[in-house]
Amino acid sequence: MEAEYIQSCIAHLQSTANDLKTISSNIPNPAAKAELQKASGSIDACLKQCLAALDKLERPV
């Protein structure tokens, strides 16, 4: 059950990160672009943590 929830969260994070990357590539304002890229980086960090948690659930020590 927990693994399914984390997998759903991962899919949502990946979609959101991709959306932010697409939007930021089309923004001419450098400050706005930088903020969107920073947000995308934060989501990427969360994604890595979720992937690590999923790995630990699937392969307990």
N, C-alpha and C. Protein backbone atom coordinates (compact mmCIF):
# COMPACT_ATOMS: atom_id res chain seq x y z
N MET A 1 0.83 -1.19 0.00
CA MET A 1 0.00 0.00 0.00
C MET A 1 0.87 1.25 0.00
N GLU A 2 1.86 1.32 0.88
CA GLU A 2 2.73 2.49 0.93
C GLU A 2 3.48 2.66 -0.38
N ALA A 3 3.93 1.55 -0.97
CA ALA A 3 4.68 1.62 -2.22
C ALA A 3 3.81 2.20 -3.34
N GLU A 4 2.54 1.82 -3.37
CA GLU A 4 1.63 2.36 -4.39
C GLU A 4 1.46 3.86 -4.23
N TYR A 5 1.34 4.30 -2.99
CA TYR A 5 1.18 5.74 -2.72
C TYR A 5 2.44 6.50 -3.15
N ILE A 6 3.60 5.96 -2.82
CA ILE A 6 4.85 6.62 -3.20
C ILE A 6 5.01 6.62 -4.72
N GLN A 7 4.64 5.53 -5.39
CA GLN A 7 4.72 5.49 -6.85
C GLN A 7 3.81 6.54 -7.48
N SER A 8 2.63 6.72 -6.91
CA SER A 8 1.72 7.74 -7.40
C SER A 8 2.31 9.13 -7.20
N CYS A 9 2.92 9.35 -6.05
CA CYS A 9 3.57 10.63 -5.75
C CYS A 9 4.72 10.88 -6.73
N ILE A 10 5.50 9.85 -7.00
CA ILE A 10 6.62 9.97 -7.93
C ILE A 10 6.11 10.38 -9.32
N ALA A 11 5.06 9.74 -9.78
CA ALA A 11 4.50 10.08 -11.09
C ALA A 11 4.04 11.53 -11.13
N HIS A 12 3.40 11.97 -10.05
CA HIS A 12 2.93 13.36 -9.97
C HIS A 12 4.10 14.34 -9.96
N LEU A 13 5.13 14.02 -9.18
CA LEU A 13 6.31 14.88 -9.13
C LEU A 13 7.01 14.96 -10.48
N GLN A 14 7.12 13.83 -11.17
CA GLN A 14 7.75 13.82 -12.50
C GLN A 14 6.97 14.69 -13.48
N SER A 15 5.66 14.57 -13.44
CA SER A 15 4.81 15.37 -14.33
C SER A 15 4.95 16.86 -14.02
N THR A 16 4.93 17.20 -12.75
CA THR A 16 5.05 18.60 -12.35
C THR A 16 6.42 19.17 -12.73
N ALA A 17 7.48 18.38 -12.50
CA ALA A 17 8.83 18.83 -12.87
C ALA A 17 8.93 19.06 -14.37
N ASN A 18 8.36 18.15 -15.15
CA ASN A 18 8.38 18.32 -16.61
C ASN A 18 7.61 19.56 -17.03
N ASP A 19 6.46 19.79 -16.40
CA ASP A 19 5.67 20.99 -16.71
C ASP A 19 6.46 22.26 -16.40
N LEU A 20 7.11 22.29 -15.24
CA LEU A 20 7.91 23.47 -14.88
C LEU A 20 9.06 23.69 -15.86
N LYS A 21 9.71 22.62 -16.28
CA LYS A 21 10.81 22.75 -17.24
C LYS A 21 10.31 23.28 -18.57
N THR A 22 9.16 22.81 -19.01
CA THR A 22 8.57 23.27 -20.26
C THR A 22 8.19 24.74 -20.17
N ILE A 23 7.53 25.10 -19.08
CA ILE A 23 7.12 26.50 -18.89
C ILE A 23 8.34 27.41 -18.81
N SER A 24 9.35 27.00 -18.04
CA SER A 24 10.51 27.87 -17.86
C SER A 24 11.29 28.06 -19.17
N SER A 25 11.22 27.09 -20.06
CA SER A 25 11.94 27.24 -21.33
C SER A 25 11.26 28.28 -22.23
N ASN A 26 10.00 28.59 -21.94
CA ASN A 26 9.24 29.54 -22.76
C ASN A 26 9.09 30.91 -22.11
N ILE A 27 9.70 31.12 -20.96
CA ILE A 27 9.57 32.39 -20.24
C ILE A 27 10.74 33.32 -20.61
N PRO A 28 10.44 34.50 -21.14
CA PRO A 28 11.52 35.41 -21.51
C PRO A 28 12.13 36.17 -20.32
N ASN A 29 11.37 36.32 -19.25
CA ASN A 29 11.84 37.06 -18.08
C ASN A 29 12.87 36.22 -17.31
N PRO A 30 14.12 36.68 -17.24
CA PRO A 30 15.17 35.88 -16.58
C PRO A 30 14.90 35.60 -15.10
N ALA A 31 14.34 36.55 -14.38
CA ALA A 31 14.07 36.33 -12.95
C ALA A 31 12.98 35.27 -12.77
N ALA A 32 11.94 35.36 -13.57
CA ALA A 32 10.86 34.36 -13.48
C ALA A 32 11.38 32.99 -13.89
N LYS A 33 12.19 32.97 -14.93
CA LYS A 33 12.78 31.70 -15.40
C LYS A 33 13.63 31.07 -14.30
N ALA A 34 14.42 31.87 -13.62
CA ALA A 34 15.28 31.38 -12.55
C ALA A 34 14.45 30.80 -11.40
N GLU A 35 13.36 31.45 -11.05
CA GLU A 35 12.49 30.96 -9.98
C GLU A 35 11.84 29.63 -10.37
N LEU A 36 11.40 29.52 -11.60
CA LEU A 36 10.80 28.27 -12.06
C LEU A 36 11.84 27.14 -12.08
N GLN A 37 13.06 27.47 -12.47
CA GLN A 37 14.12 26.47 -12.47
C GLN A 37 14.47 26.05 -11.05
N LYS A 38 14.44 27.00 -10.13
CA LYS A 38 14.70 26.68 -8.72
C LYS A 38 13.60 25.76 -8.18
N ALA A 39 12.36 26.05 -8.52
CA ALA A 39 11.24 25.20 -8.10
C ALA A 39 11.38 23.80 -8.68
N SER A 40 11.78 23.73 -9.94
CA SER A 40 11.99 22.44 -10.58
C SER A 40 13.09 21.65 -9.87
N GLY A 41 14.15 22.34 -9.45
CA GLY A 41 15.23 21.69 -8.72
C GLY A 41 14.76 21.16 -7.38
N SER A 42 13.88 21.90 -6.71
CA SER A 42 13.32 21.44 -5.43
C SER A 42 12.47 20.19 -5.63
N ILE A 43 11.71 20.18 -6.69
CA ILE A 43 10.89 19.01 -6.99
C ILE A 43 11.78 17.81 -7.33
N ASP A 44 12.85 18.05 -8.06
CA ASP A 44 13.80 16.97 -8.38
C ASP A 44 14.39 16.38 -7.09
N ALA A 45 14.68 17.22 -6.11
CA ALA A 45 15.22 16.75 -4.84
C ALA A 45 14.18 15.89 -4.11
N CYS A 46 12.93 16.32 -4.12
CA CYS A 46 11.85 15.53 -3.51
C CYS A 46 11.70 14.19 -4.22
N LEU A 47 11.80 14.24 -5.53
CA LEU A 47 11.69 13.02 -6.34
C LEU A 47 12.77 12.02 -5.95
N LYS A 48 13.99 12.49 -5.77
CA LYS A 48 15.08 11.60 -5.36
C LYS A 48 14.80 10.97 -4.00
N GLN A 49 14.25 11.74 -3.09
CA GLN A 49 13.93 11.22 -1.76
C GLN A 49 12.81 10.18 -1.84
N CYS A 50 11.83 10.43 -2.67
CA CYS A 50 10.74 9.47 -2.84
C CYS A 50 11.25 8.18 -3.47
N LEU A 51 12.13 8.30 -4.45
CA LEU A 51 12.70 7.11 -5.08
C LEU A 51 13.51 6.31 -4.07
N ALA A 52 14.26 6.98 -3.21
CA ALA A 52 15.03 6.29 -2.18
C ALA A 52 14.10 5.60 -1.19
N ALA A 53 13.02 6.25 -0.80
CA ALA A 53 12.06 5.65 0.13
C ALA A 53 11.41 4.42 -0.51
N LEU A 54 11.06 4.52 -1.77
CA LEU A 54 10.47 3.39 -2.47
C LEU A 54 11.44 2.23 -2.54
N ASP A 55 12.69 2.52 -2.81
CA ASP A 55 13.71 1.49 -2.86
C ASP A 55 13.83 0.77 -1.52
N LYS A 56 13.78 1.53 -0.44
CA LYS A 56 13.88 0.92 0.90
C LYS A 56 12.64 0.08 1.22
N LEU A 57 11.48 0.50 0.74
CA LEU A 57 10.27 -0.28 0.96
C LEU A 57 10.32 -1.61 0.19
N GLU A 58 10.85 -1.53 -1.02
CA GLU A 58 10.89 -2.72 -1.88
C GLU A 58 12.03 -3.66 -1.51
N ARG A 59 13.09 -3.12 -0.90
CA ARG A 59 14.22 -3.94 -0.51
C ARG A 59 14.61 -3.62 0.93
N PRO A 60 13.83 -4.07 1.89
CA PRO A 60 14.16 -3.76 3.29
C PRO A 60 15.47 -4.41 3.69
N VAL A 61 16.14 -3.77 4.62
CA VAL A 61 17.44 -4.24 5.09
C VAL A 61 17.27 -5.37 6.07
